[in-house]
Protein backbone atom coordinates (compact mmCIF):
# COMPACT_ATOMS: atom_id res chain seq x y z
CA MET A 1 35.98 22.42 -129.05
CA ALA A 2 35.60 21.19 -125.46
CA ALA A 3 34.39 24.62 -124.35
CA GLN A 4 31.89 24.73 -127.21
CA HIS A 5 30.53 21.30 -126.31
CA LEU A 6 30.21 22.38 -122.67
CA THR A 7 28.35 25.55 -123.66
CA ALA A 8 26.00 23.58 -125.92
CA ALA A 9 25.33 21.07 -123.15
CA LEU A 10 24.53 23.85 -120.68
CA LEU A 11 22.18 25.53 -123.13
CA LEU A 12 20.43 22.24 -123.79
CA CYS A 13 20.08 21.68 -120.05
CA GLU A 14 18.53 25.14 -119.61
CA VAL A 15 16.11 24.52 -122.49
CA VAL A 16 15.04 21.16 -121.03
CA MET A 17 14.60 22.75 -117.58
CA GLU A 18 12.48 25.56 -119.03
CA ILE A 19 10.20 23.13 -120.88
CA LEU A 20 9.85 20.67 -118.00
CA SER A 21 9.04 23.44 -115.52
CA TRP A 22 5.69 23.94 -117.29
CA VAL A 23 4.72 20.25 -117.17
CA PRO A 24 2.19 19.38 -114.40
CA ALA A 25 3.70 17.82 -111.30
CA LYS A 26 2.28 14.32 -111.66
CA PRO A 27 3.58 13.57 -115.17
CA VAL A 28 6.89 15.33 -114.53
CA THR A 29 7.65 12.83 -111.74
CA ARG A 30 7.40 10.05 -114.33
CA LEU A 31 9.77 11.91 -116.65
CA LYS A 32 12.57 11.37 -114.12
CA LEU A 33 12.77 7.85 -115.55
CA VAL A 34 13.59 9.04 -119.08
CA CYS A 35 17.32 9.42 -118.44
CA LYS A 36 19.83 10.31 -115.76
CA SER A 37 20.18 13.91 -116.90
CA TRP A 38 16.41 14.52 -116.70
CA ASN A 39 16.30 12.88 -113.29
CA SER A 40 19.12 15.17 -112.16
CA ILE A 41 17.34 18.26 -113.52
CA ILE A 42 13.94 17.42 -112.00
CA SER A 43 15.48 16.55 -108.62
CA HIS A 44 17.51 19.76 -108.37
CA PRO A 45 16.26 22.24 -105.71
CA HIS A 46 16.34 25.12 -108.19
CA PHE A 47 14.05 23.23 -110.57
CA VAL A 48 11.71 22.23 -107.70
CA LYS A 49 11.26 25.90 -106.74
CA LEU A 50 10.85 27.02 -110.35
CA HIS A 51 8.26 24.31 -110.97
CA LEU A 52 6.38 25.21 -107.79
CA HIS A 53 6.26 28.86 -108.87
CA ARG A 54 4.75 27.87 -112.21
CA SER A 55 2.36 25.18 -110.97
CA PRO A 56 -1.34 25.96 -111.55
CA LYS A 57 -3.09 27.14 -108.38
CA ASN A 58 -6.37 25.35 -109.00
CA ALA A 59 -6.22 22.34 -106.67
CA ILE A 60 -7.65 21.64 -103.24
CA LEU A 61 -7.00 19.03 -100.60
CA LEU A 62 -10.00 17.42 -98.92
CA LEU A 63 -9.80 15.82 -95.48
CA THR A 64 -12.61 13.31 -95.06
CA LEU A 65 -13.80 11.13 -92.20
CA THR A 66 -15.47 7.82 -92.95
CA PRO A 67 -17.44 6.38 -90.01
CA ALA A 68 -16.88 2.85 -88.76
CA LEU A 69 -19.33 0.31 -90.16
CA THR A 70 -18.95 -2.15 -87.28
CA LEU A 71 -17.99 -1.97 -83.60
CA ASP A 72 -14.62 -3.56 -84.39
CA GLU A 73 -13.67 -0.89 -86.92
CA GLU A 74 -12.27 2.59 -86.38
CA GLU A 75 -13.23 5.81 -88.05
CA LYS A 76 -10.95 6.44 -91.03
CA TRP A 77 -9.43 9.73 -92.09
CA GLY A 78 -8.48 10.17 -95.71
CA LEU A 79 -7.03 12.75 -98.09
CA ALA A 80 -8.47 13.40 -101.54
CA LEU A 81 -6.72 15.57 -104.11
CA THR A 82 -8.86 17.26 -106.73
CA SER A 83 -9.32 20.39 -108.78
CA VAL A 84 -11.56 23.20 -107.61
CA GLU A 85 -13.72 22.82 -110.71
CA SER A 86 -14.25 19.07 -110.26
CA PHE A 87 -15.22 19.40 -106.62
CA ILE A 88 -17.69 22.22 -107.23
CA GLN A 89 -19.32 20.42 -110.17
CA ASN A 90 -19.62 17.03 -108.49
CA PRO A 91 -18.51 16.80 -104.84
CA SER A 92 -19.91 13.32 -104.23
CA SER A 93 -18.01 11.73 -107.12
CA THR A 94 -14.84 13.52 -106.07
CA LEU A 95 -15.07 12.19 -102.53
CA ASP A 96 -15.94 8.66 -103.63
CA ALA A 97 -13.15 8.38 -106.24
CA GLN A 98 -10.27 6.16 -105.13
CA GLU A 99 -7.77 7.79 -107.48
CA ASN A 100 -5.62 10.44 -105.78
CA ARG A 101 -6.88 9.28 -102.38
CA HIS A 102 -4.61 8.63 -99.40
CA SER A 103 -5.47 6.94 -96.12
CA LEU A 104 -4.56 8.34 -92.71
CA HIS A 105 -4.62 6.83 -89.24
CA GLY A 106 -7.71 7.31 -87.10
CA GLN A 107 -5.70 9.43 -84.63
CA ASP A 108 -4.27 11.71 -87.33
CA TRP A 109 -5.27 15.30 -87.99
CA VAL A 110 -4.24 17.59 -90.86
CA SER A 111 -2.97 20.87 -89.46
CA GLY A 112 -2.31 22.59 -92.77
CA SER A 113 -1.02 22.47 -96.33
CA CYS A 114 1.70 24.58 -97.91
CA ASN A 115 3.66 24.30 -101.17
CA GLY A 116 2.31 20.81 -101.82
CA LEU A 117 3.27 19.52 -98.37
CA VAL A 118 0.67 18.35 -95.86
CA CYS A 119 1.38 18.61 -92.13
CA VAL A 120 -0.19 15.69 -90.24
CA ALA A 121 -0.49 15.54 -86.46
CA ARG A 122 -0.76 12.30 -84.50
CA PHE A 123 -2.42 12.75 -81.09
CA LEU A 124 -2.42 10.05 -78.43
CA CYS A 125 -4.66 10.94 -75.49
CA GLN A 126 -4.11 9.37 -72.10
CA PRO A 127 -7.06 7.36 -70.72
CA ASN A 128 -9.52 9.43 -68.67
CA ASN A 129 -7.36 12.50 -69.08
CA ASP A 130 -7.33 15.67 -71.18
CA ILE A 131 -3.56 15.41 -71.51
CA GLY A 132 -1.83 13.64 -74.36
CA ASP A 133 1.23 13.46 -76.60
CA ILE A 134 1.43 14.86 -80.10
CA TRP A 135 3.97 14.78 -82.89
CA PHE A 136 3.93 15.95 -86.50
CA ARG A 137 5.17 14.75 -89.85
CA LEU A 138 5.16 16.11 -93.39
CA LEU A 139 3.99 14.25 -96.44
CA ASN A 140 3.80 15.02 -100.12
CA PRO A 141 0.81 13.05 -101.45
CA LEU A 142 2.05 13.38 -105.02
CA THR A 143 5.60 12.08 -104.61
CA GLY A 144 5.04 9.82 -101.59
CA PHE A 145 7.59 11.72 -99.50
CA VAL A 146 7.17 11.34 -95.71
CA SER A 147 9.38 13.22 -93.25
CA GLU A 148 10.68 12.05 -89.92
CA ASN A 149 8.43 12.78 -86.95
CA SER A 150 8.90 15.91 -84.91
CA PRO A 151 9.93 15.51 -81.26
CA CYS A 152 6.98 14.51 -79.06
CA LEU A 153 5.13 17.34 -77.30
CA ARG A 154 2.92 17.05 -74.19
CA VAL A 155 -0.34 18.97 -74.78
CA ASN A 156 -4.02 19.07 -73.78
CA VAL A 157 -7.10 18.52 -75.91
CA HIS A 158 -7.78 22.25 -76.48
CA ASN A 159 -4.75 22.97 -78.67
CA SER A 160 -4.65 24.85 -81.95
CA PHE A 161 -2.11 24.26 -84.69
CA GLY A 162 -0.61 26.01 -87.67
CA PHE A 163 1.73 25.07 -90.51
CA GLY A 164 3.60 27.29 -92.93
CA TYR A 165 6.80 28.19 -94.75
CA ASP A 166 9.54 30.56 -93.61
CA GLU A 167 11.13 31.79 -96.84
CA SER A 168 13.99 33.56 -95.03
CA SER A 169 15.36 30.25 -93.73
CA ASP A 170 13.82 28.01 -96.41
CA SER A 171 12.21 25.98 -93.64
CA TYR A 172 8.78 24.59 -92.85
CA LYS A 173 7.42 25.22 -89.36
CA VAL A 174 4.55 23.97 -87.25
CA VAL A 175 3.16 25.99 -84.34
CA THR A 176 1.12 24.53 -81.49
CA VAL A 177 -0.89 26.94 -79.32
CA ILE A 178 -1.44 25.49 -75.84
CA PRO A 179 -3.73 26.99 -73.18
CA ASP A 180 -3.59 25.90 -69.56
CA SER A 181 -6.25 25.84 -66.85
CA SER A 182 -5.31 29.33 -65.61
CA GLY A 183 -5.97 30.93 -69.00
CA THR A 184 -2.29 31.36 -69.85
CA VAL A 185 -1.50 30.54 -73.47
CA THR A 186 1.94 29.57 -74.82
CA ALA A 187 3.10 28.65 -78.30
CA GLN A 188 5.54 25.93 -79.25
CA VAL A 189 7.39 26.25 -82.57
CA TYR A 190 9.15 23.44 -84.42
CA SER A 191 11.19 23.75 -87.61
CA PHE A 192 11.19 20.46 -89.54
CA GLY A 193 14.67 18.98 -89.58
CA GLY A 194 15.41 20.43 -86.15
CA SER A 195 15.79 18.60 -82.86
CA SER A 196 13.60 20.53 -80.40
CA TRP A 197 10.61 22.80 -79.85
CA LYS A 198 10.97 26.50 -79.10
CA THR A 199 8.69 28.02 -76.44
CA ILE A 200 6.98 31.38 -77.05
CA ASN A 201 5.49 32.71 -73.83
CA SER A 202 2.55 35.09 -73.40
CA PHE A 203 0.59 34.25 -76.53
CA PRO A 204 -2.09 36.99 -76.41
CA ALA A 205 -5.26 35.08 -77.34
CA PHE A 206 -7.05 31.78 -77.01
CA PRO A 207 -7.98 30.57 -80.56
CA PHE A 208 -11.54 29.38 -80.96
CA PHE A 209 -11.74 25.61 -80.53
CA PRO A 210 -12.61 23.70 -82.63
CA GLU A 211 -13.76 26.36 -85.13
CA ASP A 212 -10.29 27.87 -85.61
CA ILE A 213 -8.14 24.90 -84.62
CA ASN A 214 -5.87 25.38 -87.65
CA GLY A 215 -4.00 28.64 -88.12
CA HIS A 216 -4.32 30.26 -91.56
CA PHE A 217 -1.06 30.69 -93.46
CA ILE A 218 -0.54 33.84 -95.52
CA GLY A 219 2.41 36.11 -96.20
CA GLY A 220 4.82 34.16 -94.00
CA THR A 221 2.45 34.32 -91.02
CA LEU A 222 -0.05 32.07 -89.24
CA ASN A 223 -3.30 33.69 -88.17
CA TRP A 224 -5.93 32.72 -85.61
CA LEU A 225 -9.17 34.31 -84.47
CA GLY A 226 -9.89 34.04 -80.78
CA LEU A 227 -10.50 35.65 -77.42
CA ARG A 228 -8.10 37.90 -75.60
CA ASN A 229 -6.45 36.32 -72.59
CA PRO A 230 -7.21 35.42 -69.88
CA HIS A 231 -10.66 34.24 -70.96
CA GLY A 232 -9.46 30.77 -71.97
CA ALA A 233 -11.63 27.82 -72.93
CA ASP A 234 -14.30 28.30 -70.27
CA TYR A 235 -16.55 31.01 -71.61
CA ASP A 236 -20.15 31.49 -72.64
CA TRP A 237 -20.54 33.00 -76.12
CA ALA A 238 -23.53 34.97 -74.86
CA ASP A 239 -21.17 36.86 -72.52
CA VAL A 240 -18.53 37.64 -75.16
CA THR A 241 -18.19 41.29 -76.17
CA LEU A 242 -16.71 42.74 -79.35
CA ASP A 243 -13.59 44.06 -77.61
CA MET A 244 -12.75 40.51 -76.48
CA LEU A 245 -12.28 39.32 -80.08
CA MET A 246 -8.89 39.58 -81.75
CA ILE A 247 -6.90 38.22 -84.68
CA VAL A 248 -3.39 37.09 -83.77
CA SER A 249 -0.79 37.00 -86.54
CA PHE A 250 2.35 34.94 -85.84
CA ASP A 251 5.43 35.74 -87.96
CA LEU A 252 7.33 32.55 -88.81
CA LYS A 253 10.54 34.46 -89.58
CA SER A 254 10.87 36.27 -86.26
CA ASP A 255 8.71 33.97 -84.09
CA THR A 256 6.82 37.04 -82.87
CA HIS A 257 3.13 37.91 -82.89
CA LYS A 258 0.98 40.97 -83.35
CA GLN A 259 -2.70 41.87 -83.42
CA ILE A 260 -4.72 42.54 -86.57
CA LEU A 261 -7.76 44.71 -86.00
CA LEU A 262 -11.20 43.50 -87.05
CA PRO A 263 -13.05 45.37 -89.81
CA LYS A 264 -14.38 48.73 -88.59
CA GLY A 265 -17.81 47.88 -90.00
CA ILE A 266 -18.46 45.19 -87.36
CA ASP A 267 -20.42 47.01 -84.68
CA GLU A 268 -21.94 44.12 -82.70
CA ILE A 269 -21.03 40.62 -81.67
CA PRO A 270 -22.19 37.95 -84.18
CA GLY A 271 -24.74 35.38 -83.04
CA GLN A 272 -22.18 32.61 -83.62
CA LYS A 273 -18.41 32.46 -83.54
CA PRO A 274 -16.90 34.09 -86.65
CA ILE A 275 -14.16 32.27 -88.54
CA LEU A 276 -11.13 33.20 -90.62
CA GLY A 277 -10.37 31.98 -94.10
CA VAL A 278 -7.57 32.35 -96.65
CA TRP A 279 -7.64 32.06 -100.41
CA ARG A 280 -4.35 32.74 -102.19
CA ASN A 281 -3.11 36.11 -100.91
CA SER A 282 -6.20 37.39 -99.11
CA LEU A 283 -7.46 36.99 -95.56
CA TYR A 284 -11.21 36.64 -95.02
CA LEU A 285 -13.45 37.05 -91.99
CA LEU A 286 -16.82 35.26 -92.14
CA HIS A 287 -19.67 35.74 -89.69
CA ASP A 288 -23.42 35.93 -89.31
CA TYR A 289 -25.52 39.03 -88.69
CA LYS A 290 -28.39 38.60 -86.21
CA ASN A 291 -28.58 34.92 -87.21
CA THR A 292 -30.29 35.96 -90.44
CA HIS A 293 -27.48 36.95 -92.84
CA PHE A 294 -24.05 35.75 -93.92
CA ILE A 295 -21.36 38.44 -94.16
CA ALA A 296 -17.89 38.07 -95.69
CA TRP A 297 -15.02 40.54 -95.34
CA GLN A 298 -11.80 40.49 -97.37
CA MET A 299 -8.48 42.05 -96.36
CA LYS A 300 -7.30 42.87 -99.88
CA GLU A 301 -3.77 43.86 -98.80
CA PHE A 302 -2.67 41.50 -96.07
CA GLY A 303 -1.43 43.44 -93.05
CA ASP A 304 -3.22 46.63 -94.04
CA GLU A 305 -6.16 46.92 -91.64
CA ASN A 306 -7.63 49.73 -93.75
CA SER A 307 -8.03 47.34 -96.68
CA TRP A 308 -10.85 45.32 -95.03
CA THR A 309 -13.72 45.34 -97.54
CA GLN A 310 -17.19 43.84 -97.13
CA LEU A 311 -17.62 41.45 -100.04
CA LEU A 312 -21.17 40.36 -99.44
CA LYS A 313 -24.16 40.26 -97.16
CA ILE A 314 -26.63 37.57 -98.11
CA SER A 315 -29.66 36.25 -96.25
CA PHE A 316 -29.85 32.74 -94.85
CA HIS A 317 -33.21 32.48 -96.61
CA HIS A 318 -31.59 33.03 -100.01
CA LEU A 319 -28.86 30.51 -99.17
CA GLY A 320 -31.39 27.98 -97.95
CA VAL A 321 -29.65 27.48 -94.60
CA GLU A 322 -30.91 27.91 -91.07
CA ARG A 323 -27.51 28.34 -89.43
CA LEU A 324 -24.13 29.48 -90.66
CA PHE A 325 -21.33 26.93 -91.12
CA PRO A 326 -18.76 28.47 -93.50
CA ALA A 327 -16.33 25.84 -94.75
CA PHE A 328 -14.11 27.18 -97.55
CA ILE A 329 -13.52 29.97 -100.07
CA PHE A 330 -12.78 29.48 -103.77
CA GLU A 331 -11.94 31.55 -106.83
CA ASN A 332 -10.61 34.73 -105.23
CA GLY A 333 -13.52 35.07 -102.86
CA ASN A 334 -16.19 34.58 -105.51
CA ILE A 335 -17.42 31.14 -104.41
CA PHE A 336 -18.15 30.18 -100.79
CA MET A 337 -18.70 26.65 -99.56
CA LEU A 338 -21.06 26.30 -96.61
CA ILE A 339 -22.28 23.29 -94.69
CA GLY A 340 -26.07 23.04 -94.97
CA ARG A 341 -28.72 21.72 -92.61
CA HIS A 342 -26.65 18.62 -91.88
CA ARG A 343 -23.09 17.42 -92.40
CA PHE A 344 -24.01 15.62 -95.63
CA GLU A 345 -25.15 18.78 -97.42
CA VAL A 346 -22.80 21.23 -99.09
CA VAL A 347 -23.97 24.64 -100.26
CA PHE A 348 -22.04 26.62 -102.88
CA TYR A 349 -22.76 30.33 -103.20
CA ASP A 350 -21.36 32.22 -106.22
CA ARG A 351 -21.49 35.94 -105.61
CA ARG A 352 -20.81 36.71 -109.29
CA ASP A 353 -24.31 35.66 -110.33
CA ASN A 354 -25.91 35.32 -106.86
CA SER A 355 -26.52 31.62 -107.49
CA VAL A 356 -26.92 28.91 -104.84
CA LYS A 357 -26.24 25.22 -105.36
CA HIS A 358 -27.18 22.54 -102.80
CA ILE A 359 -25.53 19.13 -103.07
CA ASN A 360 -25.97 16.10 -100.84
CA ILE A 361 -22.70 14.33 -100.11
CA LEU A 362 -23.04 10.58 -99.67
CA ALA A 363 -23.21 9.53 -96.03
CA ASN A 364 -20.02 7.45 -96.16
CA ASN A 365 -18.10 10.73 -95.96
CA ARG A 366 -19.66 12.36 -92.96
CA TYR A 367 -17.03 15.03 -92.39
CA VAL A 368 -15.21 17.15 -94.97
CA ILE A 369 -12.61 19.90 -94.53
CA ALA A 370 -11.01 21.67 -97.50
CA PHE A 371 -7.47 23.06 -97.73
CA ASP A 372 -5.85 25.23 -100.36
CA TYR A 373 -3.36 23.00 -102.19
CA VAL A 374 -0.87 23.01 -105.04
CA GLU A 375 0.73 19.94 -106.57
CA SER A 376 4.51 20.13 -106.18
CA LEU A 377 7.77 18.21 -106.10
CA VAL A 378 8.86 19.70 -102.77
CA GLN A 379 10.65 17.25 -100.45
CA PRO A 380 12.45 19.16 -97.68
CA CYS A 381 15.45 17.59 -95.99
């Protein structure tokens, strides 16, 4: 009889786990209060991973900057969680809503989002100096989890960052790319929960700053677009040639890097710096053509340079923009968010029906950056 009761209890536990794994993250956190057994199930690492795998991939994280209203106030960074659909339909209301909004310090910067975790950097610059100290922490906006800070790192103001997940070690890592005055670039890697940074010498490129300050996480790698060394930060875009551009892909498992070739169809340097983008499992390269058209490329199979495909070429005139400021990609590369004539205007282009939508964002949010996001219960040790 005891064995039968044990078997029945295990089956019931499996049934409860299966049902709860399909419940959205926010309500499932409240279900931990139902009873001790449910709390134990929901808190178990196996359930957290199962729930993450089944969570809907239709959310985004918005980093906003609200300007100071008086001389005594500081600019305020904030995080807003929303669905893709809500933001596209009504960006202003989404940004103004106080629900699902989280405040950050004025010296914070979001360096990436992965599996429901947000990596936040705190940078303290020394007076009258380009040198400062930086450290990182993880937070889960849904559960309220906040990690311990990483060890402090001495950097300069031209750094680039990246945040991602190493599945082989079940660890979350942040990478800081640091150039020096000679043009030499090194990378520093920190695994959350560790005690020190690991130095990677001879990083082969200088990521564009600030256009590509955050590395793009995909397939266990962080990716930046930049200039081959030793060009460094002091360059004139008018003097840049096509062979100076490169995509660097940093493998979080092996802490090694390699080059990804640009699409073969790019035969001349764009008028402005191109940028990278990621949506789900695809890498994108966005650039202008002769300052008159917007072009988007998609690497359909990440790592396969022969899979670069030109998704679109659309005129600035049709988009209603005078310059190109790509901001984010939605819906498997079907919807592109651009910044319009000023920072308060967002332009959505849907390539499925060739439609363009201009929306003015209220001036109390003068800066908006979007990150791919999924609600989760992840709380790494």
